[in-house]
Amino acid sequence: MPLRLRKFIGTILIICLVILYAILATTIASAYLGTSPWWVHLLYFLLSGILWILPAMLIIKWMAGPIRK
């Protein structure tokens, strides 16, 4: 697969990932954290704000393609 096509597909995947992840994280927060103390909100949004990076890293690694020697 050409590198330009791989980067285009990866960019679309990352955009979809961020949108779906934001909707999911907000839905979970609205459903379960309504009456929780402030520190639970802080921990949840800290962890959920960092957690999306893991699948994004895999997509970026795929976008870079195989290592050429």
PDB file of N, CA and C in Angstrom:
ATOM      1  N   MET A   1       0.856  -1.171   0.000  1.00  0.00           N
ATOM      2  CA  MET A   1       0.000   0.000   0.000  1.00  0.00           C
ATOM      3  C   MET A   1       0.903   1.235   0.000  1.00  0.00           C
ATOM      4  N   PRO A   2       0.606   2.183  -0.872  1.00  0.00           N
ATOM      5  CA  PRO A   2       1.432   3.402  -0.908  1.00  0.00           C
ATOM      6  C   PRO A   2       1.359   4.168   0.424  1.00  0.00           C
ATOM      7  N   LEU A   3       2.451   4.811   0.742  1.00  0.00           N
ATOM      8  CA  LEU A   3       2.544   5.525   2.012  1.00  0.00           C
ATOM      9  C   LEU A   3       1.519   6.649   2.111  1.00  0.00           C
ATOM     10  N   ARG A   4       1.276   7.350   1.007  1.00  0.00           N
ATOM     11  CA  ARG A   4       0.297   8.452   1.036  1.00  0.00           C
ATOM     12  C   ARG A   4      -1.101   7.938   1.350  1.00  0.00           C
ATOM     13  N   LEU A   5      -1.481   6.813   0.775  1.00  0.00           N
ATOM     14  CA  LEU A   5      -2.794   6.225   1.044  1.00  0.00           C
ATOM     15  C   LEU A   5      -2.882   5.750   2.484  1.00  0.00           C
ATOM     16  N   ARG A   6      -1.804   5.149   2.972  1.00  0.00           N
ATOM     17  CA  ARG A   6      -1.765   4.678   4.355  1.00  0.00           C
ATOM     18  C   ARG A   6      -1.932   5.856   5.328  1.00  0.00           C
ATOM     19  N   LYS A   7      -1.281   6.972   5.044  1.00  0.00           N
ATOM     20  CA  LYS A   7      -1.407   8.152   5.909  1.00  0.00           C
ATOM     21  C   LYS A   7      -2.802   8.754   5.833  1.00  0.00           C
ATOM     22  N   PHE A   8      -3.408   8.750   4.652  1.00  0.00           N
ATOM     23  CA  PHE A   8      -4.765   9.263   4.507  1.00  0.00           C
ATOM     24  C   PHE A   8      -5.754   8.415   5.308  1.00  0.00           C
ATOM     25  N   ILE A   9      -5.653   7.094   5.170  1.00  0.00           N
ATOM     26  CA  ILE A   9      -6.540   6.194   5.916  1.00  0.00           C
ATOM     27  C   ILE A   9      -6.304   6.342   7.417  1.00  0.00           C
ATOM     28  N   GLY A  10      -5.054   6.439   7.826  1.00  0.00           N
ATOM     29  CA  GLY A  10      -4.733   6.609   9.241  1.00  0.00           C
ATOM     30  C   GLY A  10      -5.287   7.900   9.807  1.00  0.00           C
ATOM     31  N   THR A  11      -5.221   8.971   9.023  1.00  0.00           N
ATOM     32  CA  THR A  11      -5.772  10.257   9.472  1.00  0.00           C
ATOM     33  C   THR A  11      -7.277  10.158   9.679  1.00  0.00           C
ATOM     34  N   ILE A  12      -7.974   9.530   8.743  1.00  0.00           N
ATOM     35  CA  ILE A  12      -9.423   9.343   8.882  1.00  0.00           C
ATOM     36  C   ILE A  12      -9.731   8.480  10.099  1.00  0.00           C
ATOM     37  N   LEU A  13      -8.951   7.419  10.308  1.00  0.00           N
ATOM     38  CA  LEU A  13      -9.162   6.551  11.474  1.00  0.00           C
ATOM     39  C   LEU A  13      -8.955   7.302  12.788  1.00  0.00           C
ATOM     40  N   ILE A  14      -7.936   8.139  12.858  1.00  0.00           N
ATOM     41  CA  ILE A  14      -7.681   8.896  14.095  1.00  0.00           C
ATOM     42  C   ILE A  14      -8.803   9.894  14.354  1.00  0.00           C
ATOM     43  N   ILE A  15      -9.292  10.543  13.318  1.00  0.00           N
ATOM     44  CA  ILE A  15     -10.407  11.481  13.497  1.00  0.00           C
ATOM     45  C   ILE A  15     -11.645  10.745  14.005  1.00  0.00           C
ATOM     46  N   CYS A  16     -11.945   9.594  13.404  1.00  0.00           N
ATOM     47  CA  CYS A  16     -13.099   8.794  13.858  1.00  0.00           C
ATOM     48  C   CYS A  16     -12.895   8.310  15.286  1.00  0.00           C
ATOM     49  N   LEU A  17     -11.675   7.877  15.610  1.00  0.00           N
ATOM     50  CA  LEU A  17     -11.362   7.423  16.963  1.00  0.00           C
ATOM     51  C   LEU A  17     -11.615   8.522  17.982  1.00  0.00           C
ATOM     52  N   VAL A  18     -11.135   9.711  17.709  1.00  0.00           N
ATOM     53  CA  VAL A  18     -11.282  10.820  18.661  1.00  0.00           C
ATOM     54  C   VAL A  18     -12.756  11.181  18.842  1.00  0.00           C
ATOM     55  N   ILE A  19     -13.510  11.230  17.759  1.00  0.00           N
ATOM     56  CA  ILE A  19     -14.928  11.582  17.859  1.00  0.00           C
ATOM     57  C   ILE A  19     -15.695  10.516  18.636  1.00  0.00           C
ATOM     58  N   LEU A  20     -15.507   9.247  18.270  1.00  0.00           N
ATOM     59  CA  LEU A  20     -16.229   8.170  18.963  1.00  0.00           C
ATOM     60  C   LEU A  20     -15.803   8.054  20.424  1.00  0.00           C
ATOM     61  N   TYR A  21     -14.519   8.221  20.678  1.00  0.00           N
ATOM     62  CA  TYR A  21     -14.027   8.131  22.050  1.00  0.00           C
ATOM     63  C   TYR A  21     -14.572   9.266  22.914  1.00  0.00           C
ATOM     64  N   ALA A  22     -14.643  10.463  22.353  1.00  0.00           N
ATOM     65  CA  ALA A  22     -15.185  11.598  23.111  1.00  0.00           C
ATOM     66  C   ALA A  22     -16.665  11.379  23.435  1.00  0.00           C
ATOM     67  N   ILE A  23     -17.410  10.860  22.478  1.00  0.00           N
ATOM     68  CA  ILE A  23     -18.832  10.581  22.724  1.00  0.00           C
ATOM     69  C   ILE A  23     -18.982   9.504  23.792  1.00  0.00           C
ATOM     70  N   LEU A  24     -18.197   8.437  23.693  1.00  0.00           N
ATOM     71  CA  LEU A  24     -18.267   7.361  24.675  1.00  0.00           C
ATOM     72  C   LEU A  24     -17.859   7.834  26.068  1.00  0.00           C
ATOM     73  N   ALA A  25     -16.773   8.566  26.164  1.00  0.00           N
ATOM     74  CA  ALA A  25     -16.303   9.045  27.471  1.00  0.00           C
ATOM     75  C   ALA A  25     -17.306  10.007  28.107  1.00  0.00           C
ATOM     76  N   THR A  26     -17.916  10.868  27.303  1.00  0.00           N
ATOM     77  CA  THR A  26     -18.903  11.803  27.827  1.00  0.00           C
ATOM     78  C   THR A  26     -20.172  11.080  28.253  1.00  0.00           C
ATOM     79  N   THR A  27     -20.573  10.070  27.493  1.00  0.00           N
ATOM     80  CA  THR A  27     -21.760   9.296  27.849  1.00  0.00           C
ATOM     81  C   THR A  27     -21.555   8.557  29.166  1.00  0.00           C
ATOM     82  N   ILE A  28     -20.408   7.943  29.325  1.00  0.00           N
ATOM     83  CA  ILE A  28     -20.103   7.238  30.576  1.00  0.00           C
ATOM     84  C   ILE A  28     -20.069   8.220  31.743  1.00  0.00           C
ATOM     85  N   ALA A  29     -19.444   9.363  31.531  1.00  0.00           N
ATOM     86  CA  ALA A  29     -19.373  10.362  32.604  1.00  0.00           C
ATOM     87  C   ALA A  29     -20.761  10.860  32.977  1.00  0.00           C
ATOM     88  N   SER A  30     -21.606  11.097  32.002  1.00  0.00           N
ATOM     89  CA  SER A  30     -22.959  11.591  32.284  1.00  0.00           C
ATOM     90  C   SER A  30     -23.798  10.541  33.005  1.00  0.00           C
ATOM     91  N   ALA A  31     -23.612   9.286  32.636  1.00  0.00           N
ATOM     92  CA  ALA A  31     -24.428   8.222  33.212  1.00  0.00           C
ATOM     93  C   ALA A  31     -24.008   7.841  34.626  1.00  0.00           C
ATOM     94  N   TYR A  32     -22.705   7.863  34.912  1.00  0.00           N
ATOM     95  CA  TYR A  32     -22.231   7.319  36.183  1.00  0.00           C
ATOM     96  C   TYR A  32     -21.620   8.327  37.146  1.00  0.00           C
ATOM     97  N   LEU A  33     -21.245   9.503  36.690  1.00  0.00           N
ATOM     98  CA  LEU A  33     -20.515  10.423  37.560  1.00  0.00           C
ATOM     99  C   LEU A  33     -21.335  11.626  38.008  1.00  0.00           C
ATOM    100  N   GLY A  34     -22.630  11.583  37.831  1.00  0.00           N
ATOM    101  CA  GLY A  34     -23.456  12.743  38.147  1.00  0.00           C
ATOM    102  C   GLY A  34     -23.373  13.188  39.599  1.00  0.00           C
ATOM    103  N   THR A  35     -23.356  12.262  40.521  1.00  0.00           N
ATOM    104  CA  THR A  35     -23.359  12.612  41.941  1.00  0.00           C
ATOM    105  C   THR A  35     -22.026  12.302  42.623  1.00  0.00           C
ATOM    106  N   SER A  36     -21.016  12.039  41.847  1.00  0.00           N
ATOM    107  CA  SER A  36     -19.703  11.704  42.411  1.00  0.00           C
ATOM    108  C   SER A  36     -18.978  12.962  42.874  1.00  0.00           C
ATOM    109  N   PRO A  37     -18.067  12.803  43.821  1.00  0.00           N
ATOM    110  CA  PRO A  37     -17.273  13.960  44.271  1.00  0.00           C
ATOM    111  C   PRO A  37     -16.325  14.454  43.180  1.00  0.00           C
ATOM    112  N   TRP A  38     -15.765  15.642  43.402  1.00  0.00           N
ATOM    113  CA  TRP A  38     -14.923  16.288  42.401  1.00  0.00           C
ATOM    114  C   TRP A  38     -13.695  15.473  42.064  1.00  0.00           C
ATOM    115  N   TRP A  39     -13.131  14.764  43.031  1.00  0.00           N
ATOM    116  CA  TRP A  39     -11.900  14.040  42.769  1.00  0.00           C
ATOM    117  C   TRP A  39     -12.138  12.817  41.884  1.00  0.00           C
ATOM    118  N   VAL A  40     -13.347  12.257  41.934  1.00  0.00           N
ATOM    119  CA  VAL A  40     -13.680  11.152  41.028  1.00  0.00           C
ATOM    120  C   VAL A  40     -13.764  11.675  39.593  1.00  0.00           C
ATOM    121  N   HIS A  41     -14.370  12.849  39.440  1.00  0.00           N
ATOM    122  CA  HIS A  41     -14.433  13.488  38.121  1.00  0.00           C
ATOM    123  C   HIS A  41     -13.023  13.763  37.603  1.00  0.00           C
ATOM    124  N   LEU A  42     -12.162  14.270  38.462  1.00  0.00           N
ATOM    125  CA  LEU A  42     -10.795  14.579  38.078  1.00  0.00           C
ATOM    126  C   LEU A  42     -10.057  13.329  37.617  1.00  0.00           C
ATOM    127  N   LEU A  43     -10.149  12.252  38.393  1.00  0.00           N
ATOM    128  CA  LEU A  43      -9.483  11.008  38.016  1.00  0.00           C
ATOM    129  C   LEU A  43     -10.040  10.427  36.722  1.00  0.00           C
ATOM    130  N   TYR A  44     -11.365  10.464  36.606  1.00  0.00           N
ATOM    131  CA  TYR A  44     -11.978   9.905  35.394  1.00  0.00           C
ATOM    132  C   TYR A  44     -11.534  10.666  34.153  1.00  0.00           C
ATOM    133  N   PHE A  45     -11.627  11.973  34.188  1.00  0.00           N
ATOM    134  CA  PHE A  45     -11.271  12.742  33.000  1.00  0.00           C
ATOM    135  C   PHE A  45      -9.772  12.745  32.750  1.00  0.00           C
ATOM    136  N   LEU A  46      -8.963  12.608  33.779  1.00  0.00           N
ATOM    137  CA  LEU A  46      -7.520  12.478  33.586  1.00  0.00           C
ATOM    138  C   LEU A  46      -7.202  11.166  32.882  1.00  0.00           C
ATOM    139  N   LEU A  47      -7.767  10.066  33.379  1.00  0.00           N
ATOM    140  CA  LEU A  47      -7.500   8.766  32.769  1.00  0.00           C
ATOM    141  C   LEU A  47      -8.127   8.640  31.382  1.00  0.00           C
ATOM    142  N   SER A  48      -9.343   9.093  31.239  1.00  0.00           N
ATOM    143  CA  SER A  48      -9.983   8.975  29.929  1.00  0.00           C
ATOM    144  C   SER A  48      -9.355   9.933  28.914  1.00  0.00           C
ATOM    145  N   GLY A  49      -8.775  11.004  29.378  1.00  0.00           N
ATOM    146  CA  GLY A  49      -8.082  11.916  28.477  1.00  0.00           C
ATOM    147  C   GLY A  49      -6.763  11.363  27.977  1.00  0.00           C
ATOM    148  N   ILE A  50      -6.164  10.475  28.738  1.00  0.00           N
ATOM    149  CA  ILE A  50      -4.894   9.876  28.346  1.00  0.00           C
ATOM    150  C   ILE A  50      -5.099   8.549  27.610  1.00  0.00           C
ATOM    151  N   LEU A  51      -6.180   7.846  27.907  1.00  0.00           N
ATOM    152  CA  LEU A  51      -6.389   6.497  27.388  1.00  0.00           C
ATOM    153  C   LEU A  51      -6.540   6.430  25.872  1.00  0.00           C
ATOM    154  N   TRP A  52      -7.063   7.461  25.237  1.00  0.00           N
ATOM    155  CA  TRP A  52      -7.255   7.430  23.787  1.00  0.00           C
ATOM    156  C   TRP A  52      -5.935   7.425  23.025  1.00  0.00           C
ATOM    157  N   ILE A  53      -4.858   7.786  23.711  1.00  0.00           N
ATOM    158  CA  ILE A  53      -3.558   7.856  23.054  1.00  0.00           C
ATOM    159  C   ILE A  53      -3.058   6.469  22.649  1.00  0.00           C
ATOM    160  N   LEU A  54      -3.404   5.442  23.416  1.00  0.00           N
ATOM    161  CA  LEU A  54      -2.913   4.096  23.113  1.00  0.00           C
ATOM    162  C   LEU A  54      -3.367   3.589  21.738  1.00  0.00           C
ATOM    163  N   PRO A  55      -4.668   3.618  21.415  1.00  0.00           N
ATOM    164  CA  PRO A  55      -5.031   3.186  20.062  1.00  0.00           C
ATOM    165  C   PRO A  55      -4.528   4.151  18.985  1.00  0.00           C
ATOM    166  N   ALA A  56      -4.428   5.431  19.309  1.00  0.00           N
ATOM    167  CA  ALA A  56      -3.911   6.391  18.334  1.00  0.00           C
ATOM    168  C   ALA A  56      -2.446   6.099  18.013  1.00  0.00           C
ATOM    169  N   MET A  57      -1.684   5.669  19.015  1.00  0.00           N
ATOM    170  CA  MET A  57      -0.283   5.325  18.786  1.00  0.00           C
ATOM    171  C   MET A  57      -0.168   4.135  17.841  1.00  0.00           C
ATOM    172  N   LEU A  58      -1.057   3.167  17.992  1.00  0.00           N
ATOM    173  CA  LEU A  58      -1.030   2.009  17.100  1.00  0.00           C
ATOM    174  C   LEU A  58      -1.352   2.412  15.657  1.00  0.00           C
ATOM    175  N   ILE A  59      -2.309   3.315  15.505  1.00  0.00           N
ATOM    176  CA  ILE A  59      -2.661   3.789  14.169  1.00  0.00           C
ATOM    177  C   ILE A  59      -1.490   4.552  13.556  1.00  0.00           C
ATOM    178  N   ILE A  60      -0.854   5.400  14.343  1.00  0.00           N
ATOM    179  CA  ILE A  60       0.288   6.175  13.845  1.00  0.00           C
ATOM    180  C   ILE A  60       1.452   5.250  13.479  1.00  0.00           C
ATOM    181  N   LYS A  61       1.663   4.225  14.279  1.00  0.00           N
ATOM    182  CA  LYS A  61       2.717   3.267  13.977  1.00  0.00           C
ATOM    183  C   LYS A  61       2.409   2.539  12.663  1.00  0.00           C
ATOM    184  N   TRP A  62       1.149   2.183  12.441  1.00  0.00           N
ATOM    185  CA  TRP A  62       0.749   1.555  11.189  1.00  0.00           C
ATOM    186  C   TRP A  62       0.924   2.522  10.017  1.00  0.00           C
ATOM    187  N   MET A  63       0.594   3.794  10.247  1.00  0.00           N
ATOM    188  CA  MET A  63       0.725   4.789   9.195  1.00  0.00           C
ATOM    189  C   MET A  63       2.166   4.955   8.727  1.00  0.00           C
ATOM    190  N   ALA A  64       3.104   4.820   9.647  1.00  0.00           N
ATOM    191  CA  ALA A  64       4.516   4.999   9.303  1.00  0.00           C
ATOM    192  C   ALA A  64       5.006   3.905   8.378  1.00  0.00           C
ATOM    193  N   GLY A  65       4.348   2.771   8.401  1.00  0.00           N
ATOM    194  CA  GLY A  65       4.729   1.682   7.505  1.00  0.00           C
ATOM    195  C   GLY A  65       5.866   0.868   8.054  1.00  0.00           C
ATOM    196  N   PRO A  66       6.256  -0.140   7.305  1.00  0.00           N
ATOM    197  CA  PRO A  66       7.365  -1.001   7.764  1.00  0.00           C
ATOM    198  C   PRO A  66       8.690  -0.247   7.741  1.00  0.00           C
ATOM    199  N   ILE A  67       9.566  -0.653   8.612  1.00  0.00           N
ATOM    200  CA  ILE A  67      10.889  -0.027   8.681  1.00  0.00           C
ATOM    201  C   ILE A  67      11.718  -0.522   7.504  1.00  0.00           C
ATOM    202  N   ARG A  68      12.230   0.420   6.724  1.00  0.00           N
ATOM    203  CA  ARG A  68      13.017   0.071   5.550  1.00  0.00           C
ATOM    204  C   ARG A  68      14.502   0.164   5.876  1.00  0.00           C
ATOM    205  N   LYS A  69      15.236  -0.827   5.441  1.00  0.00           N
ATOM    206  CA  LYS A  69      16.671  -0.843   5.727  1.00  0.00           C
ATOM    207  C   LYS A  69      17.472  -0.621   4.470  1.00  0.00           C
TER     208      LYS A  69
END
